[in-house]
Amino acid sequence: MNTSLQRLESTLKLEMQSVTRAFNGMNWADPTHYGQWLWQTHYFVCHSTRLLALAASRMSSQQQNLHMRFLSHASEEKGHETLALKDYQGLLKAGFDLPAHYEESEATQLFYQSQYYWIEHREPTSFFGYILLLEMAAAQIGPELYRRALQSFGGDCTRFLKVHAEEDPDHIIKAMKSLCELPEASIELVIQNLRVSSWSYQSICREIQKAGNSPLQLVA
């Protein structure tokens, strides 16, 4: 394994620890926290297929495998943004005192808008930093989030978490395999984007946390 890949794996581990702490600051039994998270998730997931398609379109003819991989990933993400809204509608139908919707936060805008810059003005493969963060969060944190939300709100309000917590962990393996084909300079950009994406996602959690002050720990 080259040095850059080792640094990437080390950075991913550290950033996931930070993201987990940020999630720990939210009370997943509080419908305000959970409802806010569903809306902010909806806003950035709306861009998942667009970002993947954009990254695919920027791949050179020598990167055909990556081009097809991103197109395939985009197909898998179709319609996921509607799951979060359906879960929120489930909260409203259950009688929780919540607004009709939450506005898109500045942190959420920074989270996904920066990816257009990375793809178009740095390298399309740098988008792997964003992908790895979300895929690893789904794999490592998602199952516990789903368990807690399901216990508090029921199946009609937790479809988004269920889908992503139960996703094939092979997604991460495939991503890392693709990264092995990249030069070290490109992997360094992935690392940079990973750090920026992690900071932005943690900022989303911190903004949601302002809605209350009774966090529940997800992990030790």
C-alpha atoms as a PDB file:
ATOM      1  CA  MET A   1       0.000   0.000   0.000  1.00  0.00           C
ATOM      2  CA  ASN A   2       1.411   3.409  -0.917  1.00  0.00           C
ATOM      3  CA  THR A   3       1.938   6.167   1.627  1.00  0.00           C
ATOM      4  CA  SER A   4      -0.996   8.272   0.452  1.00  0.00           C
ATOM      5  CA  LEU A   5      -3.433   5.376   0.816  1.00  0.00           C
ATOM      6  CA  GLN A   6      -2.166   4.746   4.326  1.00  0.00           C
ATOM      7  CA  ARG A   7      -2.686   8.418   5.141  1.00  0.00           C
ATOM      8  CA  LEU A   8      -6.173   8.257   3.669  1.00  0.00           C
ATOM      9  CA  GLU A   9      -7.159   5.284   5.814  1.00  0.00           C
ATOM     10  CA  SER A  10      -5.724   6.959   8.918  1.00  0.00           C
ATOM     11  CA  THR A  11      -7.497  10.237   8.129  1.00  0.00           C
ATOM     12  CA  LEU A  12     -10.797   8.466   7.486  1.00  0.00           C
ATOM     13  CA  LYS A  13     -10.584   6.723  10.851  1.00  0.00           C
ATOM     14  CA  LEU A  14      -9.884   9.990  12.695  1.00  0.00           C
ATOM     15  CA  GLU A  15     -12.618  11.901  10.873  1.00  0.00           C
ATOM     16  CA  MET A  16     -15.168   9.192  11.590  1.00  0.00           C
ATOM     17  CA  GLN A  17     -14.360   9.506  15.287  1.00  0.00           C
ATOM     18  CA  SER A  18     -15.072  13.235  15.039  1.00  0.00           C
ATOM     19  CA  VAL A  19     -18.302  12.696  13.097  1.00  0.00           C
ATOM     20  CA  THR A  20     -19.433  10.126  15.657  1.00  0.00           C
ATOM     21  CA  ARG A  21     -18.876  12.652  18.449  1.00  0.00           C
ATOM     22  CA  ALA A  22     -20.936  15.170  16.503  1.00  0.00           C
ATOM     23  CA  PHE A  23     -23.767  12.652  16.148  1.00  0.00           C
ATOM     24  CA  ASN A  24     -23.470  11.918  19.850  1.00  0.00           C
ATOM     25  CA  GLY A  25     -24.316  15.561  20.500  1.00  0.00           C
ATOM     26  CA  MET A  26     -27.770  15.058  19.046  1.00  0.00           C
ATOM     27  CA  ASN A  27     -30.692  13.462  20.817  1.00  0.00           C
ATOM     28  CA  TRP A  28     -32.050  10.882  18.412  1.00  0.00           C
ATOM     29  CA  ALA A  29     -35.159  10.409  20.557  1.00  0.00           C
ATOM     30  CA  ASP A  30     -36.052  14.100  20.135  1.00  0.00           C
ATOM     31  CA  PRO A  31     -38.354  14.663  17.132  1.00  0.00           C
ATOM     32  CA  THR A  32     -36.945  18.188  16.706  1.00  0.00           C
ATOM     33  CA  HIS A  33     -33.388  16.899  16.322  1.00  0.00           C
ATOM     34  CA  TYR A  34     -34.462  14.004  14.136  1.00  0.00           C
ATOM     35  CA  GLY A  35     -36.806  16.123  12.030  1.00  0.00           C
ATOM     36  CA  GLN A  36     -34.107  18.726  11.446  1.00  0.00           C
ATOM     37  CA  TRP A  37     -31.665  16.007  10.419  1.00  0.00           C
ATOM     38  CA  LEU A  38     -34.172  14.544   7.951  1.00  0.00           C
ATOM     39  CA  TRP A  39     -34.662  17.903   6.260  1.00  0.00           C
ATOM     40  CA  GLN A  40     -30.957  18.753   6.071  1.00  0.00           C
ATOM     41  CA  THR A  41     -30.312  15.251   4.748  1.00  0.00           C
ATOM     42  CA  HIS A  42     -32.981  15.760   2.113  1.00  0.00           C
ATOM     43  CA  TYR A  43     -31.344  18.978   0.958  1.00  0.00           C
ATOM     44  CA  PHE A  44     -27.902  17.509   0.391  1.00  0.00           C
ATOM     45  CA  VAL A  45     -29.074  14.118  -0.884  1.00  0.00           C
ATOM     46  CA  CYS A  46     -30.986  15.988  -3.633  1.00  0.00           C
ATOM     47  CA  HIS A  47     -27.544  16.643  -5.106  1.00  0.00           C
ATOM     48  CA  SER A  48     -26.162  13.103  -4.865  1.00  0.00           C
ATOM     49  CA  THR A  49     -27.146  11.972  -8.368  1.00  0.00           C
ATOM     50  CA  ARG A  50     -26.181  15.350  -9.827  1.00  0.00           C
ATOM     51  CA  LEU A  51     -22.736  15.308  -8.262  1.00  0.00           C
ATOM     52  CA  LEU A  52     -22.106  11.707  -9.262  1.00  0.00           C
ATOM     53  CA  ALA A  53     -23.194  12.410 -12.837  1.00  0.00           C
ATOM     54  CA  LEU A  54     -21.024  15.539 -12.939  1.00  0.00           C
ATOM     55  CA  ALA A  55     -17.998  13.641 -11.661  1.00  0.00           C
ATOM     56  CA  ALA A  56     -18.640  10.876 -14.198  1.00  0.00           C
ATOM     57  CA  SER A  57     -18.793  13.414 -17.027  1.00  0.00           C
ATOM     58  CA  ARG A  58     -15.398  14.814 -16.033  1.00  0.00           C
ATOM     59  CA  MET A  59     -13.596  11.476 -16.232  1.00  0.00           C
ATOM     60  CA  SER A  60     -11.219  11.086 -19.146  1.00  0.00           C
ATOM     61  CA  SER A  61     -11.497   8.297 -21.707  1.00  0.00           C
ATOM     62  CA  GLN A  62      -8.622   6.614 -19.841  1.00  0.00           C
ATOM     63  CA  GLN A  63     -10.821   6.545 -16.726  1.00  0.00           C
ATOM     64  CA  GLN A  64     -13.661   4.514 -18.221  1.00  0.00           C
ATOM     65  CA  ASN A  65     -13.945   2.248 -15.176  1.00  0.00           C
ATOM     66  CA  LEU A  66     -14.388   5.247 -12.865  1.00  0.00           C
ATOM     67  CA  HIS A  67     -16.793   6.855 -15.337  1.00  0.00           C
ATOM     68  CA  MET A  68     -19.016   3.765 -15.314  1.00  0.00           C
ATOM     69  CA  ARG A  69     -18.676   3.321 -11.546  1.00  0.00           C
ATOM     70  CA  PHE A  70     -19.975   6.835 -10.868  1.00  0.00           C
ATOM     71  CA  LEU A  71     -22.848   6.396 -13.310  1.00  0.00           C
ATOM     72  CA  SER A  72     -23.801   3.134 -11.619  1.00  0.00           C
ATOM     73  CA  HIS A  73     -23.622   4.779  -8.192  1.00  0.00           C
ATOM     74  CA  ALA A  74     -25.858   7.612  -9.419  1.00  0.00           C
ATOM     75  CA  SER A  75     -28.461   5.067 -10.505  1.00  0.00           C
ATOM     76  CA  GLU A  76     -28.383   3.466  -7.051  1.00  0.00           C
ATOM     77  CA  GLU A  77     -29.029   6.846  -5.385  1.00  0.00           C
ATOM     78  CA  LYS A  78     -32.150   7.717  -7.395  1.00  0.00           C
ATOM     79  CA  GLY A  79     -35.074   8.784  -5.242  1.00  0.00           C
ATOM     80  CA  HIS A  80     -33.282   8.595  -1.905  1.00  0.00           C
ATOM     81  CA  GLU A  81     -34.029  12.261  -1.154  1.00  0.00           C
ATOM     82  CA  THR A  82     -37.749  11.468  -1.102  1.00  0.00           C
ATOM     83  CA  LEU A  83     -37.266   8.846   1.617  1.00  0.00           C
ATOM     84  CA  ALA A  84     -36.164  11.511   4.105  1.00  0.00           C
ATOM     85  CA  LEU A  85     -39.231  13.641   3.374  1.00  0.00           C
ATOM     86  CA  LYS A  86     -41.553  10.649   3.695  1.00  0.00           C
ATOM     87  CA  ASP A  87     -40.026   9.951   7.101  1.00  0.00           C
ATOM     88  CA  TYR A  88     -40.691  13.544   8.129  1.00  0.00           C
ATOM     89  CA  GLN A  89     -44.276  13.262   6.947  1.00  0.00           C
ATOM     90  CA  GLY A  90     -44.487  10.190   9.156  1.00  0.00           C
ATOM     91  CA  LEU A  91     -43.468  12.306  12.141  1.00  0.00           C
ATOM     92  CA  LEU A  92     -46.190  14.840  11.353  1.00  0.00           C
ATOM     93  CA  LYS A  93     -48.818  12.120  10.939  1.00  0.00           C
ATOM     94  CA  ALA A  94     -47.741  10.655  14.282  1.00  0.00           C
ATOM     95  CA  GLY A  95     -48.763  13.942  15.914  1.00  0.00           C
ATOM     96  CA  PHE A  96     -45.399  15.445  16.791  1.00  0.00           C
ATOM     97  CA  ASP A  97     -45.495  19.231  17.126  1.00  0.00           C
ATOM     98  CA  LEU A  98     -43.165  20.147  14.280  1.00  0.00           C
ATOM     99  CA  PRO A  99     -43.144  22.809  11.542  1.00  0.00           C
ATOM    100  CA  ALA A 100     -44.217  21.952   8.023  1.00  0.00           C
ATOM    101  CA  HIS A 101     -40.559  22.077   7.004  1.00  0.00           C
ATOM    102  CA  TYR A 102     -37.124  23.304   8.066  1.00  0.00           C
ATOM    103  CA  GLU A 103     -35.061  25.731   6.023  1.00  0.00           C
ATOM    104  CA  GLU A 104     -31.815  24.601   4.472  1.00  0.00           C
ATOM    105  CA  SER A 105     -28.969  25.566   6.800  1.00  0.00           C
ATOM    106  CA  GLU A 106     -25.769  27.337   5.814  1.00  0.00           C
ATOM    107  CA  ALA A 107     -23.760  24.323   6.948  1.00  0.00           C
ATOM    108  CA  THR A 108     -25.771  22.064   4.659  1.00  0.00           C
ATOM    109  CA  GLN A 109     -25.230  24.395   1.722  1.00  0.00           C
ATOM    110  CA  LEU A 110     -21.481  24.418   2.370  1.00  0.00           C
ATOM    111  CA  PHE A 111     -21.460  20.615   2.640  1.00  0.00           C
ATOM    112  CA  TYR A 112     -22.684  19.880  -0.877  1.00  0.00           C
ATOM    113  CA  GLN A 113     -21.986  23.122  -2.748  1.00  0.00           C
ATOM    114  CA  SER A 114     -18.255  22.770  -2.154  1.00  0.00           C
ATOM    115  CA  GLN A 115     -18.335  19.456  -4.046  1.00  0.00           C
ATOM    116  CA  TYR A 116     -19.117  21.224  -7.311  1.00  0.00           C
ATOM    117  CA  TYR A 117     -15.881  23.147  -6.836  1.00  0.00           C
ATOM    118  CA  TRP A 118     -13.865  20.035  -6.050  1.00  0.00           C
ATOM    119  CA  ILE A 119     -15.189  18.194  -9.097  1.00  0.00           C
ATOM    120  CA  GLU A 120     -14.953  21.023 -11.628  1.00  0.00           C
ATOM    121  CA  HIS A 121     -11.926  22.969 -10.433  1.00  0.00           C
ATOM    122  CA  ARG A 122      -9.679  20.384  -8.765  1.00  0.00           C
ATOM    123  CA  GLU A 123     -10.197  16.765  -9.858  1.00  0.00           C
ATOM    124  CA  PRO A 124     -13.394  14.731 -10.265  1.00  0.00           C
ATOM    125  CA  THR A 125     -11.796  11.897  -8.288  1.00  0.00           C
ATOM    126  CA  SER A 126     -11.466  14.228  -5.288  1.00  0.00           C
ATOM    127  CA  PHE A 127     -15.217  13.627  -4.856  1.00  0.00           C
ATOM    128  CA  PHE A 128     -14.251  10.292  -3.291  1.00  0.00           C
ATOM    129  CA  GLY A 129     -13.541  12.222  -0.069  1.00  0.00           C
ATOM    130  CA  TYR A 130     -17.233  13.141   0.242  1.00  0.00           C
ATOM    131  CA  ILE A 131     -18.347   9.665  -0.812  1.00  0.00           C
ATOM    132  CA  LEU A 132     -16.115   7.876   1.692  1.00  0.00           C
ATOM    133  CA  LEU A 133     -17.340  10.058   4.540  1.00  0.00           C
ATOM    134  CA  LEU A 134     -21.013   9.330   3.863  1.00  0.00           C
ATOM    135  CA  GLU A 135     -20.530   5.654   3.058  1.00  0.00           C
ATOM    136  CA  MET A 136     -18.470   5.052   6.183  1.00  0.00           C
ATOM    137  CA  ALA A 137     -20.965   6.960   8.342  1.00  0.00           C
ATOM    138  CA  ALA A 138     -23.775   4.806   6.959  1.00  0.00           C
ATOM    139  CA  ALA A 139     -21.830   1.616   7.656  1.00  0.00           C
ATOM    140  CA  GLN A 140     -20.424   2.458  11.091  1.00  0.00           C
ATOM    141  CA  ILE A 141     -23.015   4.778  12.633  1.00  0.00           C
ATOM    142  CA  GLY A 142     -26.141   4.096  10.600  1.00  0.00           C
ATOM    143  CA  PRO A 143     -27.246   0.832  12.254  1.00  0.00           C
ATOM    144  CA  GLU A 144     -27.250   2.349  15.746  1.00  0.00           C
ATOM    145  CA  LEU A 145     -28.999   5.516  14.554  1.00  0.00           C
ATOM    146  CA  TYR A 146     -31.636   3.370  12.884  1.00  0.00           C
ATOM    147  CA  ARG A 147     -32.152   1.285  16.021  1.00  0.00           C
ATOM    148  CA  ARG A 148     -32.650   4.350  18.202  1.00  0.00           C
ATOM    149  CA  ALA A 149     -34.888   6.192  15.753  1.00  0.00           C
ATOM    150  CA  LEU A 150     -36.964   3.063  15.132  1.00  0.00           C
ATOM    151  CA  GLN A 151     -37.448   2.621  18.869  1.00  0.00           C
ATOM    152  CA  SER A 152     -38.568   6.256  19.248  1.00  0.00           C
ATOM    153  CA  PHE A 153     -40.597   6.867  16.083  1.00  0.00           C
ATOM    154  CA  GLY A 154     -41.435   3.562  14.393  1.00  0.00           C
ATOM    155  CA  GLY A 155     -40.958   2.141  10.922  1.00  0.00           C
ATOM    156  CA  ASP A 156     -42.989   4.771   9.058  1.00  0.00           C
ATOM    157  CA  CYS A 157     -40.481   7.430  10.124  1.00  0.00           C
ATOM    158  CA  THR A 158     -37.191   5.618   9.620  1.00  0.00           C
ATOM    159  CA  ARG A 159     -37.106   4.359   6.026  1.00  0.00           C
ATOM    160  CA  PHE A 160     -34.125   6.491   5.009  1.00  0.00           C
ATOM    161  CA  LEU A 161     -31.998   5.222   7.875  1.00  0.00           C
ATOM    162  CA  LYS A 162     -33.105   1.639   7.241  1.00  0.00           C
ATOM    163  CA  VAL A 163     -32.081   1.748   3.578  1.00  0.00           C
ATOM    164  CA  HIS A 164     -28.674   3.243   4.305  1.00  0.00           C
ATOM    165  CA  ALA A 165     -27.908   1.274   7.450  1.00  0.00           C
ATOM    166  CA  GLU A 166     -28.562  -1.953   5.563  1.00  0.00           C
ATOM    167  CA  GLU A 167     -26.694  -0.980   2.393  1.00  0.00           C
ATOM    168  CA  ASP A 168     -24.117  -3.357   1.041  1.00  0.00           C
ATOM    169  CA  PRO A 169     -20.837  -2.651   2.909  1.00  0.00           C
ATOM    170  CA  ASP A 170     -19.193  -3.660  -0.357  1.00  0.00           C
ATOM    171  CA  HIS A 171     -19.631  -0.010  -1.409  1.00  0.00           C
ATOM    172  CA  ILE A 172     -16.661   1.009   0.739  1.00  0.00           C
ATOM    173  CA  ILE A 173     -14.537  -1.890  -0.504  1.00  0.00           C
ATOM    174  CA  LYS A 174     -15.260  -0.922  -4.105  1.00  0.00           C
ATOM    175  CA  ALA A 175     -14.400   2.718  -3.409  1.00  0.00           C
ATOM    176  CA  MET A 176     -11.078   1.810  -1.821  1.00  0.00           C
ATOM    177  CA  LYS A 177     -10.293  -0.510  -4.732  1.00  0.00           C
ATOM    178  CA  SER A 178     -10.876   2.374  -7.144  1.00  0.00           C
ATOM    179  CA  LEU A 179      -8.597   4.605  -5.086  1.00  0.00           C
ATOM    180  CA  CYS A 180      -5.772   2.096  -5.442  1.00  0.00           C
ATOM    181  CA  GLU A 181      -5.713   2.956  -9.133  1.00  0.00           C
ATOM    182  CA  LEU A 182      -5.155   6.686  -8.534  1.00  0.00           C
ATOM    183  CA  PRO A 183      -1.798   8.481  -8.397  1.00  0.00           C
ATOM    184  CA  GLU A 184      -0.675   9.772  -5.011  1.00  0.00           C
ATOM    185  CA  ALA A 185      -1.368  13.410  -5.951  1.00  0.00           C
ATOM    186  CA  SER A 186      -5.029  12.548  -6.589  1.00  0.00           C
ATOM    187  CA  ILE A 187      -5.326  10.657  -3.305  1.00  0.00           C
ATOM    188  CA  GLU A 188      -3.972  13.713  -1.499  1.00  0.00           C
ATOM    189  CA  LEU A 189      -6.891  15.706  -2.924  1.00  0.00           C
ATOM    190  CA  VAL A 190      -9.283  12.994  -1.701  1.00  0.00           C
ATOM    191  CA  ILE A 191      -7.809  13.412   1.781  1.00  0.00           C
ATOM    192  CA  GLN A 192      -8.242  17.178   1.662  1.00  0.00           C
ATOM    193  CA  ASN A 193     -11.849  16.881   0.533  1.00  0.00           C
ATOM    194  CA  LEU A 194     -12.524  14.251   3.187  1.00  0.00           C
ATOM    195  CA  ARG A 195     -11.411  16.673   5.899  1.00  0.00           C
ATOM    196  CA  VAL A 196     -13.470  19.549   4.504  1.00  0.00           C
ATOM    197  CA  SER A 197     -16.538  17.324   4.134  1.00  0.00           C
ATOM    198  CA  SER A 198     -16.150  15.987   7.665  1.00  0.00           C
ATOM    199  CA  TRP A 199     -15.925  19.487   9.127  1.00  0.00           C
ATOM    200  CA  SER A 200     -19.017  20.567   7.173  1.00  0.00           C
ATOM    201  CA  TYR A 201     -21.052  17.536   8.229  1.00  0.00           C
ATOM    202  CA  GLN A 202     -20.095  18.083  11.849  1.00  0.00           C
ATOM    203  CA  SER A 203     -21.276  21.687  11.480  1.00  0.00           C
ATOM    204  CA  ILE A 204     -24.682  20.408  10.338  1.00  0.00           C
ATOM    205  CA  CYS A 205     -24.906  18.316  13.510  1.00  0.00           C
ATOM    206  CA  ARG A 206     -23.871  21.234  15.699  1.00  0.00           C
ATOM    207  CA  GLU A 207     -26.552  23.459  14.190  1.00  0.00           C
ATOM    208  CA  ILE A 208     -29.174  20.789  14.839  1.00  0.00           C
ATOM    209  CA  GLN A 209     -27.934  20.374  18.393  1.00  0.00           C
ATOM    210  CA  LYS A 210     -28.968  23.969  19.112  1.00  0.00           C
ATOM    211  CA  ALA A 211     -32.557  22.736  19.054  1.00  0.00           C
ATOM    212  CA  GLY A 212     -32.078  21.016  22.418  1.00  0.00           C
ATOM    213  CA  ASN A 213     -29.616  20.017  25.098  1.00  0.00           C
ATOM    214  CA  SER A 214     -30.277  16.403  26.018  1.00  0.00           C
ATOM    215  CA  PRO A 215     -27.824  14.314  23.968  1.00  0.00           C
ATOM    216  CA  LEU A 216     -27.844  10.539  24.036  1.00  0.00           C
ATOM    217  CA  GLN A 217     -24.599   8.685  23.491  1.00  0.00           C
ATOM    218  CA  LEU A 218     -24.523   6.435  20.454  1.00  0.00           C
ATOM    219  CA  VAL A 219     -21.249   4.695  21.150  1.00  0.00           C
ATOM    220  CA  ALA A 220     -18.803   4.481  24.001  1.00  0.00           C
END
